[in-house]
Amino acid sequence: MSENQFYENVRRSLQKKYRRSITGKFNKALKVYKLVNAGDRVAVCISGGKDSWLTAMLFKELKKYSDVPFEVKYIVMDPGYAPENRALIEENAKKLEIPIEIFDSDIFAAVHEIPNSPCYLCARMRRGYLYSFARELGCNKIALGHHYDDVIETTLMGLLYGAQIQGMMPKLHSTNFAGMELIRPLYFVREADIISWRDTNKLEFLRCACRFTEKSEIDENLSKRKEIKALIADLKLKHPDVEKCIFRSLENVNIDTVLAYKTGGKKHNFLDRYDDKKQP
């Protein structure tokens, strides 16, 4: 099979087999949350994994057919990948006909020796580099590949391990890069459908390729997200709609029933307004 035919097969799968489960949900998120507007210049951030490559493919198709005039760039940050991992990214870009722009950083080396899990710091550093490079390219938005399952898992992780109720938003204004936004166009797409799309098309993508993650693949107790995935899977056996309920809980927060909440960086207590609601 020629490379061009391979690409056409992948593209056709998004138009037919995965039209409702992936492409339709991608378009729904764009519309519901107003993620891409006229005049936008979006930097699709490709880490090398299945989610970001799918995002890139969907944006490539969107660019062809959208009535909304916008521009798109496909950027890859190399945080210190092994040569074979970088080669795999470049090979996939060629297969999927994605015109990537690669820039280098030394994030893996910087965080590798940090005690416990360096993943949080790594993610923050990567985000900063991506914003910076995207802005150099004249972009006002970066698109990441977080999906529906990431949203509900992050919600439970915050509740059970972080003592907070906090969602993963479909879009955010950057606090450090004025005029920049982060968008998550796979917000409604299920991870199982992304995996199916990958496997159906016989695509090989990277996992997180740092040395710490390689270790955590051996010791599963190091991964809180794996614990949450297992918990949700167990709950789903008795309550098939549990994932939907977790997701919808972020749309149905009743402030009148919480002890305290934060907005704009300021904390508010229910006692602040308690007497205002007293019946005469």
Protein backbone atom coordinates (compact mmCIF):
# COMPACT_ATOMS: atom_id res chain seq x y z
CA MET A 1 0.00 0.00 0.00
CA SER A 2 1.38 3.42 -0.94
CA GLU A 3 1.75 6.14 1.69
CA ASN A 4 -0.89 8.20 -0.07
CA GLN A 5 -3.37 5.30 0.02
CA PHE A 6 -2.58 4.72 3.70
CA TYR A 7 -3.40 8.34 4.46
CA GLU A 8 -6.63 8.17 2.45
CA ASN A 9 -7.74 5.09 4.40
CA VAL A 10 -7.12 6.85 7.72
CA ARG A 11 -8.93 9.93 6.49
CA ARG A 12 -11.87 7.91 5.15
CA SER A 13 -12.27 6.11 8.48
CA LEU A 14 -12.94 9.47 10.16
CA GLN A 15 -15.54 10.30 7.51
CA LYS A 16 -17.34 6.95 7.67
CA LYS A 17 -16.71 4.44 10.47
CA TYR A 18 -15.92 7.09 13.09
CA ARG A 19 -18.11 9.86 11.71
CA ARG A 20 -20.43 9.86 14.73
CA SER A 21 -18.18 8.62 17.54
CA ILE A 22 -15.18 10.84 16.76
CA THR A 23 -15.67 13.43 14.01
CA GLY A 24 -19.20 14.30 15.09
CA LYS A 25 -18.19 14.72 18.71
CA PHE A 26 -15.18 16.82 17.69
CA ASN A 27 -17.46 19.13 15.72
CA LYS A 28 -19.93 19.23 18.61
CA ALA A 29 -17.25 20.43 21.04
CA LEU A 30 -16.17 23.13 18.57
CA LYS A 31 -19.74 24.37 18.33
CA VAL A 32 -20.89 24.03 21.95
CA TYR A 33 -17.80 25.63 23.48
CA LYS A 34 -16.95 27.98 20.57
CA LEU A 35 -13.42 26.65 20.36
CA VAL A 36 -12.46 27.91 16.88
CA ASN A 37 -13.59 31.30 15.60
CA ALA A 38 -13.01 33.36 12.50
CA GLY A 39 -9.48 34.73 12.37
CA ASP A 40 -8.04 32.21 14.84
CA ARG A 41 -4.60 30.77 14.29
CA VAL A 42 -4.49 27.42 16.11
CA ALA A 43 -1.35 25.50 17.05
CA VAL A 44 -2.19 21.79 17.31
CA CYS A 45 0.30 20.38 19.81
CA ILE A 46 1.48 16.90 18.90
CA SER A 47 3.15 14.87 21.65
CA GLY A 48 3.38 11.74 19.52
CA GLY A 49 0.52 9.88 21.22
CA LYS A 50 -2.79 8.72 19.79
CA ASP A 51 -4.83 11.65 21.13
CA SER A 52 -2.70 14.42 19.67
CA TRP A 53 -2.32 12.71 16.29
CA LEU A 54 -6.09 12.29 16.09
CA THR A 55 -6.52 15.98 16.95
CA ALA A 56 -4.11 16.86 14.14
CA MET A 57 -6.01 14.72 11.62
CA LEU A 58 -9.35 16.23 12.63
CA PHE A 59 -8.00 19.77 12.30
CA LYS A 60 -6.58 18.96 8.90
CA GLU A 61 -10.03 17.83 7.75
CA LEU A 62 -11.70 20.80 9.43
CA LYS A 63 -9.41 23.19 7.60
CA LYS A 64 -10.50 21.71 4.26
CA TYR A 65 -14.23 21.98 4.80
CA SER A 66 -14.92 24.60 7.47
CA ASP A 67 -16.88 27.72 6.60
CA VAL A 68 -15.02 29.50 9.41
CA PRO A 69 -11.78 31.09 8.14
CA PHE A 70 -8.91 30.11 10.42
CA GLU A 71 -5.29 29.00 10.19
CA VAL A 72 -3.63 25.97 11.73
CA LYS A 73 -0.07 24.98 12.59
CA TYR A 74 1.10 21.55 13.77
CA ILE A 75 3.84 21.79 16.34
CA VAL A 76 5.95 19.12 18.04
CA MET A 77 8.15 19.81 21.03
CA ASP A 78 11.00 17.34 21.48
CA PRO A 79 11.61 17.38 25.26
CA GLY A 80 14.49 14.94 24.96
CA TYR A 81 13.06 11.93 23.15
CA ALA A 82 15.26 8.97 22.35
CA PRO A 83 16.25 9.06 18.65
CA GLU A 84 13.90 6.17 17.80
CA ASN A 85 10.94 8.00 19.37
CA ARG A 86 11.60 11.18 17.44
CA ALA A 87 11.98 9.10 14.28
CA LEU A 88 8.56 7.53 14.93
CA ILE A 89 6.97 10.98 15.21
CA GLU A 90 8.55 12.06 11.94
CA GLU A 91 7.44 8.82 10.26
CA ASN A 92 3.85 9.29 11.41
CA ALA A 93 3.83 12.89 10.22
CA LYS A 94 4.84 11.64 6.80
CA LYS A 95 2.23 8.84 6.76
CA LEU A 96 -0.58 11.15 7.89
CA GLU A 97 0.62 14.02 5.71
CA ILE A 98 0.78 16.41 8.65
CA PRO A 99 3.25 19.29 8.07
CA ILE A 100 4.79 19.36 11.54
CA GLU A 101 7.22 21.95 12.89
CA ILE A 102 9.61 20.54 15.53
CA PHE A 103 11.43 22.51 18.21
CA ASP A 104 13.73 21.19 20.93
CA SER A 105 13.82 21.55 24.70
CA ASP A 106 15.57 19.71 27.55
CA ILE A 107 12.58 19.14 29.83
CA PHE A 108 13.12 15.40 30.39
CA ALA A 109 16.65 16.01 31.63
CA ALA A 110 15.47 18.83 33.89
CA VAL A 111 12.76 16.85 35.68
CA HIS A 112 14.22 13.33 35.71
CA GLU A 113 16.00 13.65 39.04
CA ILE A 114 13.09 15.26 40.89
CA PRO A 115 11.91 13.08 43.83
CA ASN A 116 8.54 11.36 43.58
CA SER A 117 6.54 12.04 40.42
CA PRO A 118 7.92 14.79 38.17
CA CYS A 119 4.89 14.58 35.86
CA TYR A 120 3.16 17.72 37.17
CA LEU A 121 6.26 19.88 36.72
CA CYS A 122 6.94 18.31 33.33
CA ALA A 123 3.41 19.12 32.16
CA ARG A 124 3.69 22.74 33.31
CA MET A 125 7.05 23.20 31.62
CA ARG A 126 5.81 21.62 28.40
CA ARG A 127 2.76 23.88 28.40
CA GLY A 128 4.96 26.95 28.76
CA TYR A 129 7.23 25.92 25.90
CA LEU A 130 4.23 25.17 23.68
CA TYR A 131 2.59 28.53 24.38
CA SER A 132 5.86 30.32 23.68
CA PHE A 133 6.55 28.56 20.37
CA ALA A 134 2.93 28.89 19.25
CA ARG A 135 3.04 32.62 19.89
CA GLU A 136 6.26 32.88 17.86
CA LEU A 137 4.30 31.35 14.98
CA GLY A 138 1.59 33.97 15.35
CA CYS A 139 -0.96 31.62 16.92
CA ASN A 140 -3.49 32.71 19.50
CA LYS A 141 -4.61 29.22 20.57
CA ILE A 142 -3.03 25.86 21.34
CA ALA A 143 -5.08 22.68 20.91
CA LEU A 144 -4.41 19.70 23.17
CA GLY A 145 -5.69 16.14 22.86
CA HIS A 146 -7.43 15.68 26.23
CA HIS A 147 -10.60 13.63 25.83
CA TYR A 148 -13.82 12.77 27.72
CA ASP A 149 -12.13 10.10 29.85
CA ASP A 150 -9.40 12.56 30.86
CA VAL A 151 -12.12 14.94 32.05
CA ILE A 152 -13.88 12.47 34.33
CA GLU A 153 -10.64 10.90 35.60
CA THR A 154 -9.18 14.30 36.45
CA THR A 155 -12.37 15.23 38.29
CA LEU A 156 -12.17 12.12 40.47
CA MET A 157 -8.42 12.47 41.01
CA GLY A 158 -8.92 15.99 42.33
CA LEU A 159 -11.69 14.84 44.65
CA LEU A 160 -10.04 11.69 46.02
CA TYR A 161 -6.36 12.67 46.02
CA GLY A 162 -6.35 16.47 45.95
CA ALA A 163 -9.24 17.32 48.30
CA GLN A 164 -10.80 19.60 45.69
CA ILE A 165 -13.66 19.64 43.23
CA GLN A 166 -12.12 20.87 40.02
CA GLY A 167 -12.90 20.09 36.41
CA MET A 168 -10.82 20.07 33.25
CA MET A 169 -12.23 22.94 31.20
CA PRO A 170 -12.81 22.76 27.41
CA LYS A 171 -10.97 26.06 27.00
CA LEU A 172 -8.86 28.35 29.16
CA HIS A 173 -7.27 31.77 28.91
CA SER A 174 -3.55 31.55 29.58
CA THR A 175 -2.48 33.27 32.80
CA ASN A 176 1.12 33.75 31.64
CA PHE A 177 0.76 34.42 27.92
CA ALA A 178 -1.58 37.33 27.27
CA GLY A 179 -4.03 36.81 24.44
CA MET A 180 -3.39 33.05 24.27
CA GLU A 181 -5.97 30.32 24.88
CA LEU A 182 -5.87 26.56 25.37
CA ILE A 183 -8.62 24.48 23.74
CA ARG A 184 -9.57 20.80 24.09
CA PRO A 185 -11.56 19.80 20.98
CA LEU A 186 -11.72 16.07 21.91
CA TYR A 187 -13.74 16.98 25.01
CA PHE A 188 -16.68 14.70 24.06
CA VAL A 189 -14.64 11.90 22.44
CA ARG A 190 -14.26 8.60 24.33
CA GLU A 191 -10.80 7.09 24.69
CA ALA A 192 -12.09 3.66 23.60
CA ASP A 193 -13.08 5.15 20.24
CA ILE A 194 -9.65 6.74 19.84
CA ILE A 195 -8.00 3.39 20.54
CA SER A 196 -10.33 1.70 18.05
CA TRP A 197 -9.47 4.30 15.39
CA ARG A 198 -5.76 3.75 16.03
CA ASP A 199 -5.97 -0.03 15.90
CA THR A 200 -8.34 -0.18 12.93
CA ASN A 201 -5.84 1.85 10.90
CA LYS A 202 -2.85 -0.11 12.26
CA LEU A 203 -1.21 3.06 13.54
CA GLU A 204 1.72 2.97 15.95
CA PHE A 205 2.09 5.96 18.26
CA LEU A 206 4.23 6.95 21.22
CA ARG A 207 3.33 6.57 24.82
CA CYS A 208 4.88 9.14 27.17
CA ALA A 209 8.52 8.37 26.48
CA CYS A 210 10.33 9.66 29.56
CA ARG A 211 12.36 7.38 31.84
CA PHE A 212 10.06 7.85 34.83
CA THR A 213 7.05 6.63 32.87
CA GLU A 214 8.99 3.57 31.76
CA LYS A 215 9.48 2.78 35.43
CA SER A 216 5.84 3.38 36.27
CA GLU A 217 4.79 0.88 33.61
CA ILE A 218 6.44 -1.73 35.83
CA ASP A 219 5.07 -0.46 39.16
CA GLU A 220 1.41 0.37 38.55
CA ASN A 221 1.03 1.70 42.10
CA LEU A 222 2.93 4.79 40.96
CA SER A 223 0.09 5.85 38.70
CA LYS A 224 -2.91 7.45 40.38
CA ARG A 225 -4.61 7.77 37.02
CA LYS A 226 -4.46 3.99 36.54
CA GLU A 227 -6.09 3.56 39.94
CA ILE A 228 -8.88 5.93 38.93
CA LYS A 229 -9.38 4.12 35.62
CA ALA A 230 -9.75 0.85 37.51
CA LEU A 231 -12.15 2.43 40.00
CA ILE A 232 -14.39 3.81 37.25
CA ALA A 233 -14.36 0.46 35.42
CA ASP A 234 -15.42 -1.30 38.64
CA LEU A 235 -18.19 1.22 39.35
CA LYS A 236 -19.43 0.91 35.79
CA LEU A 237 -20.17 -2.79 36.31
CA LYS A 238 -22.95 -1.88 38.75
CA HIS A 239 -23.81 1.58 37.41
CA PRO A 240 -23.42 1.74 33.60
CA ASP A 241 -24.06 5.49 33.53
CA VAL A 242 -21.45 6.38 36.14
CA GLU A 243 -19.12 8.07 33.63
CA LYS A 244 -21.93 10.20 32.26
CA CYS A 245 -22.93 11.18 35.80
CA ILE A 246 -19.38 12.25 36.70
CA PHE A 247 -19.17 14.36 33.56
CA ARG A 248 -22.58 15.96 34.08
CA SER A 249 -21.79 16.73 37.71
CA LEU A 250 -19.48 19.46 36.40
CA GLU A 251 -22.52 21.10 34.79
CA ASN A 252 -24.70 20.82 37.90
CA VAL A 253 -22.69 22.31 40.75
CA ASN A 254 -25.05 23.75 43.39
CA ILE A 255 -23.07 26.49 45.15
CA ASP A 256 -25.73 26.72 47.86
CA THR A 257 -24.78 23.26 49.09
CA VAL A 258 -20.98 23.55 49.33
CA LEU A 259 -19.02 24.74 52.34
CA ALA A 260 -16.65 26.93 50.38
CA TYR A 261 -15.65 27.67 46.83
CA LYS A 262 -13.08 29.66 44.89
CA THR A 263 -13.60 32.05 42.01
CA GLY A 264 -11.09 34.44 40.52
CA GLY A 265 -8.48 33.12 42.95
CA LYS A 266 -10.51 34.23 45.99
CA LYS A 267 -12.05 31.82 48.46
CA HIS A 268 -15.65 32.26 49.63
CA ASN A 269 -17.33 30.55 52.60
CA PHE A 270 -21.02 29.67 52.83
CA LEU A 271 -21.19 31.71 56.04
CA ASP A 272 -20.39 34.87 54.09
CA ARG A 273 -23.97 34.93 52.74
CA TYR A 274 -25.71 32.62 55.18
CA ASP A 275 -27.63 35.32 57.10
CA ASP A 276 -28.67 37.01 53.86
CA LYS A 277 -30.88 34.01 53.15
CA LYS A 278 -32.54 33.98 56.57
CA GLN A 279 -36.32 34.01 56.37
CA PRO A 280 -38.01 37.13 57.87
